[in-house]
């Protein structure tokens, strides 16, 4: 594999990293939207089947799912005096109080961060610093290619620099030969510079001067 293949591998890995970060960001955004709209992120079985009822035979109030039963000496009178609508309102109030009590306990004793929260924080951190991670990934890949395959990551750039330097050397020799009016030697030097680097405009200009100043034989 040449250096271009390794550069292609580095580009593909960087694209995969960016796609993963984008997917994580999308997941975090969807979870945030569900929370903002009041929808639960995961099914909460804790509040399922949480209701209360009054037992007419005993006059006690039973909280379903909790096993708690409350009683009083005046429960018989209370159960007989309230209407069905009032009982339904009281039951709803009891359910609301239970939920508020659970939220208060959760605030006083917060649970350990769940796996989803940890993933959210990790993806959020990755999105905020994706450019830094891409740079670090490219640097790590460059060192891996150099030590594992013995290929310098910047070898192609050094070759380009060496080519330009060599072309410039022949261009300078052509200028010297042109000043000495050695037109054939100057043309040869300029042509050699252009062969090495076709973008050497100074060599092209020098070749044109040598052809203009070269006297016509005969």
Protein backbone atom coordinates (compact mmCIF):
# COMPACT_ATOMS: atom_id res chain seq x y z
CA UNK A 1 0.00 0.00 0.00
CA UNK A 2 1.31 3.45 -0.89
CA UNK A 3 0.86 6.65 1.06
CA UNK A 4 -2.32 7.54 -0.84
CA UNK A 5 -3.95 4.32 0.37
CA UNK A 6 -3.10 5.17 3.97
CA UNK A 7 -4.49 8.67 3.53
CA UNK A 8 -7.70 7.14 2.15
CA UNK A 9 -7.92 4.84 5.18
CA UNK A 10 -7.44 7.83 7.49
CA UNK A 11 -10.19 9.73 5.69
CA UNK A 12 -12.59 6.78 5.91
CA UNK A 13 -11.92 6.36 9.65
CA UNK A 14 -12.50 10.07 10.21
CA UNK A 15 -15.82 9.88 8.33
CA UNK A 16 -16.91 6.86 10.39
CA UNK A 17 -16.06 8.76 13.58
CA UNK A 18 -18.09 11.78 12.45
CA UNK A 19 -21.07 9.53 11.56
CA UNK A 20 -20.97 7.89 15.00
CA UNK A 21 -20.86 11.29 16.70
CA UNK A 22 -23.81 12.46 14.57
CA UNK A 23 -25.82 9.34 15.42
CA UNK A 24 -25.13 9.82 19.11
CA UNK A 25 -26.14 13.45 18.88
CA UNK A 26 -29.40 12.47 17.19
CA UNK A 27 -30.15 9.98 19.96
CA UNK A 28 -29.45 12.59 22.64
CA UNK A 29 -31.67 15.10 20.82
CA UNK A 30 -34.56 12.61 20.56
CA UNK A 31 -34.31 11.76 24.26
CA UNK A 32 -34.22 15.47 25.13
CA UNK A 33 -37.31 16.10 23.01
CA UNK A 34 -39.24 13.33 24.78
CA UNK A 35 -38.27 14.73 28.15
CA UNK A 36 -39.19 18.28 27.11
CA UNK A 37 -42.62 17.14 25.91
CA UNK A 38 -43.28 15.32 29.18
CA UNK A 39 -43.13 11.84 27.67
CA UNK A 40 -41.22 9.18 29.60
CA UNK A 41 -37.95 8.05 28.06
CA UNK A 42 -38.50 4.50 29.33
CA UNK A 43 -41.69 2.81 30.63
CA UNK A 44 -41.99 3.47 34.33
CA UNK A 45 -43.51 0.41 35.94
CA UNK A 46 -43.24 2.12 39.29
CA UNK A 47 -46.48 4.06 38.80
CA UNK A 48 -48.45 1.27 37.15
CA UNK A 49 -51.55 0.10 38.98
CA UNK A 50 -51.04 2.69 41.72
CA UNK A 51 -54.51 3.50 43.02
CA UNK A 52 -56.46 3.56 46.24
CA UNK A 53 -59.91 2.40 47.32
CA UNK A 54 -62.13 2.57 50.37
CA UNK A 55 -63.30 -0.77 51.73
CA UNK A 56 -66.97 -0.30 52.74
CA UNK A 57 -67.04 -3.34 55.06
CA UNK A 58 -64.19 -2.11 57.22
CA UNK A 59 -64.18 1.61 56.43
CA UNK A 60 -60.44 1.51 55.71
CA UNK A 61 -58.44 3.15 52.91
CA UNK A 62 -56.20 0.74 50.99
CA UNK A 63 -53.38 1.88 48.64
CA UNK A 64 -53.14 -0.69 45.85
CA UNK A 65 -49.62 -1.88 45.10
CA UNK A 66 -48.20 -0.57 48.38
CA UNK A 67 -49.89 -2.87 50.86
CA UNK A 68 -50.65 0.10 53.14
CA UNK A 69 -54.01 0.25 54.83
CA UNK A 70 -55.18 3.17 56.95
CA UNK A 71 -58.06 3.10 59.35
CA UNK A 72 -59.75 5.38 61.87
CA UNK A 73 -62.53 5.23 64.40
CA UNK A 74 -64.57 7.62 62.26
CA UNK A 75 -64.03 5.87 58.92
CA UNK A 76 -67.53 4.32 58.97
CA UNK A 77 -69.15 7.73 59.28
CA UNK A 78 -66.76 9.21 56.71
CA UNK A 79 -67.40 6.43 54.15
CA UNK A 80 -71.16 6.79 54.52
CA UNK A 81 -71.23 10.57 54.23
CA UNK A 82 -69.13 11.16 51.10
CA UNK A 83 -70.51 10.73 47.60
CA UNK A 84 -68.99 8.68 44.83
CA UNK A 85 -67.66 11.80 43.09
CA UNK A 86 -66.04 12.95 46.31
CA UNK A 87 -64.45 9.54 46.76
CA UNK A 88 -63.06 9.63 43.23
CA UNK A 89 -61.63 13.10 43.85
CA UNK A 90 -60.02 11.96 47.09
CA UNK A 91 -58.53 8.92 45.39
CA UNK A 92 -57.01 11.09 42.68
CA UNK A 93 -55.60 13.36 45.34
CA UNK A 94 -54.07 10.38 47.14
CA UNK A 95 -52.45 9.22 43.91
CA UNK A 96 -51.04 12.70 43.29
CA UNK A 97 -49.67 12.83 46.83
CA UNK A 98 -48.00 9.46 46.34
CA UNK A 99 -46.30 10.67 43.17
CA UNK A 100 -45.16 13.88 44.87
CA UNK A 101 -43.83 11.85 47.79
CA UNK A 102 -41.87 9.62 45.42
CA UNK A 103 -40.41 12.67 43.63
CA UNK A 104 -39.44 14.21 46.97
CA UNK A 105 -37.67 11.02 48.03
CA UNK A 106 -35.88 10.88 44.68
CA UNK A 107 -34.73 14.51 45.10
CA UNK A 108 -33.45 13.89 48.63
CA UNK A 109 -31.75 10.62 47.65
CA UNK A 110 -30.95 10.83 43.93
CA UNK A 111 -30.23 7.46 42.32
CA UNK A 112 -26.91 6.67 40.71
CA UNK A 113 -26.59 7.82 37.09
CA UNK A 114 -28.16 5.27 34.77
CA UNK A 115 -26.57 3.86 31.65
CA UNK A 116 -28.70 6.14 29.46
CA UNK A 117 -27.54 9.24 31.35
CA UNK A 118 -23.93 8.16 31.01
CA UNK A 119 -24.37 7.61 27.28
CA UNK A 120 -26.06 11.00 26.94
CA UNK A 121 -23.15 12.72 28.67
CA UNK A 122 -20.60 10.82 26.58
CA UNK A 123 -22.31 11.67 23.28
CA UNK A 124 -22.78 15.29 24.32
CA UNK A 125 -19.08 15.56 25.17
CA UNK A 126 -18.16 13.92 21.85
CA UNK A 127 -20.31 16.36 19.87
CA UNK A 128 -18.79 19.36 21.62
CA UNK A 129 -15.21 18.18 20.96
CA UNK A 130 -15.55 16.26 17.67
CA UNK A 131 -12.92 18.40 15.93
CA UNK A 132 -10.36 17.66 18.63
CA UNK A 133 -11.11 13.93 18.49
CA UNK A 134 -10.73 13.94 14.69
CA UNK A 135 -7.34 15.63 14.98
CA UNK A 136 -6.16 13.21 17.65
CA UNK A 137 -7.40 10.27 15.56
CA UNK A 138 -5.43 11.48 12.53
CA UNK A 139 -2.27 11.91 14.61
CA UNK A 140 -2.61 8.45 16.14
CA UNK A 141 -3.21 6.93 12.70
CA UNK A 142 -0.13 8.71 11.32
CA UNK A 143 2.11 7.28 14.07
CA UNK A 144 0.57 3.83 13.63
CA UNK A 145 1.26 3.84 9.88
CA UNK A 146 4.83 5.02 10.43
CA UNK A 147 5.78 2.44 13.07
CA UNK A 148 3.70 -0.49 11.82
CA UNK A 149 4.48 -0.23 8.09
CA UNK A 150 7.60 1.94 8.05
CA UNK A 151 5.89 4.56 5.90
CA UNK A 152 6.27 8.22 6.75
CA UNK A 153 2.88 9.92 6.84
CA UNK A 154 4.44 13.13 5.45
CA UNK A 155 6.64 11.41 2.86
CA UNK A 156 4.58 12.62 -0.08
CA UNK A 157 4.87 16.23 1.11
CA UNK A 158 8.64 15.88 1.42
CA UNK A 159 8.82 14.48 -2.11
CA UNK A 160 6.93 17.51 -3.44
CA UNK A 161 9.30 19.84 -1.62
CA UNK A 162 12.38 18.00 -2.89
CA UNK A 163 11.05 18.14 -6.47
CA UNK A 164 10.54 21.89 -6.27
CA UNK A 165 14.00 22.42 -4.78
CA UNK A 166 15.68 20.38 -7.53
CA UNK A 167 13.78 22.22 -10.25
CA UNK A 168 14.76 25.53 -8.70
CA UNK A 169 18.42 24.44 -8.66
CA UNK A 170 18.40 23.83 -12.43
CA UNK A 171 16.58 27.11 -12.96
CA UNK A 172 19.33 28.95 -11.06
CA UNK A 173 21.99 27.20 -13.16
CA UNK A 174 20.19 28.32 -16.29
CA UNK A 175 20.26 31.93 -15.08
CA UNK A 176 24.02 31.68 -14.51
CA UNK A 177 24.60 30.21 -17.97
CA UNK A 178 22.39 32.90 -19.51
CA UNK A 179 24.46 35.67 -17.89
CA UNK A 180 27.60 34.07 -19.35
CA UNK A 181 25.86 33.97 -22.75
CA UNK A 182 26.19 30.20 -22.87
CA UNK A 183 22.80 29.84 -24.43
CA UNK A 184 22.89 26.12 -25.17
CA UNK A 185 23.82 25.27 -21.58
CA UNK A 186 21.17 27.69 -20.32
CA UNK A 187 18.50 26.07 -22.51
CA UNK A 188 19.47 22.62 -21.27
CA UNK A 189 19.29 23.72 -17.63
CA UNK A 190 15.91 25.40 -18.11
CA UNK A 191 14.49 22.38 -19.93
CA UNK A 192 15.68 20.11 -17.13
CA UNK A 193 13.99 22.36 -14.55
CA UNK A 194 10.73 22.27 -16.51
CA UNK A 195 10.87 18.47 -16.84
CA UNK A 196 11.17 18.13 -13.07
CA UNK A 197 8.49 20.71 -12.25
CA UNK A 198 6.24 21.87 -15.07
CA UNK A 199 4.83 24.60 -12.79
CA UNK A 200 8.20 26.37 -12.48
CA UNK A 201 7.23 29.59 -14.24
CA UNK A 202 10.66 31.16 -13.69
CA UNK A 203 12.29 28.34 -15.65
CA UNK A 204 9.78 28.78 -18.50
CA UNK A 205 10.52 32.51 -18.56
CA UNK A 206 14.29 31.86 -18.55
CA UNK A 207 13.98 29.40 -21.44
CA UNK A 208 12.12 32.02 -23.46
CA UNK A 209 14.86 34.60 -22.78
CA UNK A 210 17.60 32.18 -23.81
CA UNK A 211 15.82 31.54 -27.09
CA UNK A 212 15.39 35.26 -27.76
CA UNK A 213 18.95 36.25 -26.91
CA UNK A 214 20.57 33.28 -28.68
CA UNK A 215 22.04 34.65 -31.93
CA UNK A 216 20.89 32.99 -35.12
CA UNK A 217 23.61 30.85 -36.61
CA UNK A 218 24.94 31.82 -40.05
